[in-house]
Protein backbone atom coordinates (compact mmCIF):
# COMPACT_ATOMS: atom_id res chain seq x y z
CA MET A 1 118.66 63.51 145.71
CA ALA A 2 115.36 63.90 144.78
CA THR A 3 113.46 61.77 142.21
CA PHE A 4 110.89 62.87 139.52
CA ASP A 5 109.15 60.73 141.86
CA ASP A 6 109.19 62.75 144.42
CA ALA A 7 108.58 65.43 142.60
CA ARG A 8 105.32 63.94 141.28
CA HIS A 9 104.43 62.81 145.26
CA PHE A 10 104.83 65.42 146.41
CA ALA A 11 102.28 67.80 143.70
CA LEU A 12 99.69 65.04 144.41
CA SER A 13 99.35 66.06 148.04
CA PHE A 14 98.34 69.94 146.59
CA PRO A 15 94.15 69.97 145.78
CA GLU A 16 93.33 69.35 142.33
CA THR A 17 96.88 68.25 141.11
CA ALA A 18 96.13 66.67 138.15
CA TRP A 19 98.72 63.64 136.45
CA ASP A 20 98.97 62.97 132.55
CA GLY A 21 100.37 60.50 133.65
CA ASP A 22 103.38 61.13 131.41
CA SER A 23 105.18 63.50 132.05
CA ARG A 24 103.10 67.23 133.82
CA LEU A 25 101.30 67.38 136.56
CA SER A 26 98.89 70.77 136.51
CA VAL A 27 96.01 72.54 139.04
CA ALA A 28 92.88 73.62 137.10
CA GLY A 29 94.28 72.44 133.88
CA LYS A 30 97.67 75.13 134.38
CA ALA A 31 100.89 72.84 134.68
CA PHE A 32 102.71 73.87 137.28
CA CYS A 33 105.74 71.22 136.85
CA TRP A 34 106.48 68.45 134.03
CA SER A 35 109.76 66.47 133.32
CA TRP A 36 112.11 69.14 130.54
CA LEU A 37 112.19 67.44 127.45
CA GLU A 38 115.71 67.31 126.12
CA ARG A 39 116.70 67.70 122.19
CA VAL A 40 119.60 64.88 122.38
CA ASP A 41 119.57 65.22 118.57
CA PRO A 42 119.17 67.44 116.76
CA LYS A 43 117.75 65.47 114.24
CA LYS A 44 114.99 64.18 116.49
CA ALA A 45 111.89 65.07 119.19
CA ARG A 46 112.68 65.82 122.19
CA VAL A 47 112.95 63.15 124.85
CA PRO A 48 111.91 62.81 128.83
CA ASN A 49 114.93 63.06 130.76
CA SER A 50 113.25 62.41 134.58
CA ASP A 51 116.41 63.57 136.13
CA VAL A 52 115.28 67.15 134.96
CA LEU A 53 112.06 69.23 136.58
CA VAL A 54 110.47 72.28 134.87
CA VAL A 55 108.80 74.07 137.41
CA SER A 56 106.97 77.71 137.23
CA VAL A 57 108.51 80.52 139.08
CA ALA A 58 106.91 84.26 140.00
CA SER A 59 108.71 85.93 137.24
CA GLU A 60 111.73 85.49 135.12
CA GLU A 61 113.86 86.77 137.66
CA VAL A 62 113.31 84.33 140.00
CA LYS A 63 114.52 81.62 137.11
CA PHE A 64 117.99 83.86 136.28
CA GLY A 65 117.70 84.22 140.25
CA LEU A 66 118.50 80.71 140.94
CA ALA A 67 120.51 79.76 137.89
CA GLU A 68 122.86 82.12 138.60
CA ALA A 69 123.32 81.89 142.36
CA GLU A 70 123.14 78.06 142.13
CA PRO A 71 124.01 76.56 138.43
CA GLU A 72 124.35 73.30 140.03
CA LYS A 73 120.59 73.00 140.75
CA TYR A 74 119.30 75.48 138.36
CA PHE A 75 119.70 76.60 134.40
CA THR A 76 117.58 77.12 131.84
CA GLU A 77 117.34 77.22 127.80
CA PRO A 78 116.23 79.33 124.81
CA HIS A 79 113.33 77.03 124.63
CA TYR A 80 112.27 78.82 127.86
CA ASP A 81 113.43 81.82 126.81
CA GLY A 82 110.42 84.48 128.16
CA TYR A 83 109.08 81.60 130.06
CA ARG A 84 108.60 81.46 133.96
CA ALA A 85 110.23 78.56 134.50
CA VAL A 86 113.15 76.92 136.02
CA MET A 87 114.93 73.75 135.26
CA VAL A 88 116.49 72.06 137.89
CA ARG A 89 118.59 68.91 138.56
CA LEU A 90 116.48 66.41 140.61
CA PRO A 91 119.74 64.77 142.21
CA ALA A 92 121.03 67.83 143.24
CA VAL A 93 118.59 69.39 145.07
CA THR A 94 117.08 68.36 148.27
CA ASP A 95 113.22 66.80 149.09
CA ALA A 96 112.83 70.31 150.78
CA GLU A 97 113.86 72.37 148.05
CA LEU A 98 112.45 70.15 145.45
CA ARG A 99 108.82 70.94 147.79
CA ASP A 100 109.33 74.55 148.38
CA LEU A 101 109.77 75.13 144.31
CA ILE A 102 106.97 72.65 143.68
CA ALA A 103 104.35 74.77 147.07
CA ASP A 104 105.43 77.81 145.24
CA ALA A 105 104.80 76.81 142.00
CA TRP A 106 101.95 75.27 142.35
CA GLN A 107 100.17 78.56 144.93
CA LEU A 108 101.14 80.78 141.66
CA ARG A 109 98.79 78.86 139.33
CA ALA A 110 96.16 77.43 141.30
CA PRO A 111 93.18 79.62 140.93
CA ARG A 112 91.92 81.89 143.71
CA ALA A 113 89.19 80.46 145.12
CA VAL A 114 91.19 76.76 145.41
CA LEU A 115 93.99 79.11 146.68
CA LYS A 116 91.69 80.11 149.27
CA ARG A 117 90.50 76.91 150.60
CA PHE A 118 94.17 75.28 150.54
CA GLU A 119 95.05 78.68 153.03
CA ALA A 120 91.79 78.37 155.29
CA GLU A 121 92.36 74.33 156.10
CA GLN A 122 96.20 74.79 157.02
CA PRO A 123 97.19 75.03 160.61
CA ARG A 124 97.82 78.11 161.69
């Protein structure tokens, strides 16, 4: 069972990742994962739900594919229609699944120069 703290800790292991102190993790000013802001009451502001992480993905096809294949782990909502991000139920995913999702999301949003430096530093 993964937690938001696990997600934050893992994301911060990537170069140039910034934590806004609240709910967003970004690289070079581009958010790649964040806590879901849930609308609990239609007449009130959204509130953070730390059991759900929103993670950037390569395409809407990937998003819908994950949500269809494993709806107990992944989902979306109309707010994210047209946006390449999937919602992850943290208690339902393993640490390894979470690490893979975050690594992919970071790579999608990181600038080329940062990616090249990171890849060059990785053991072969």
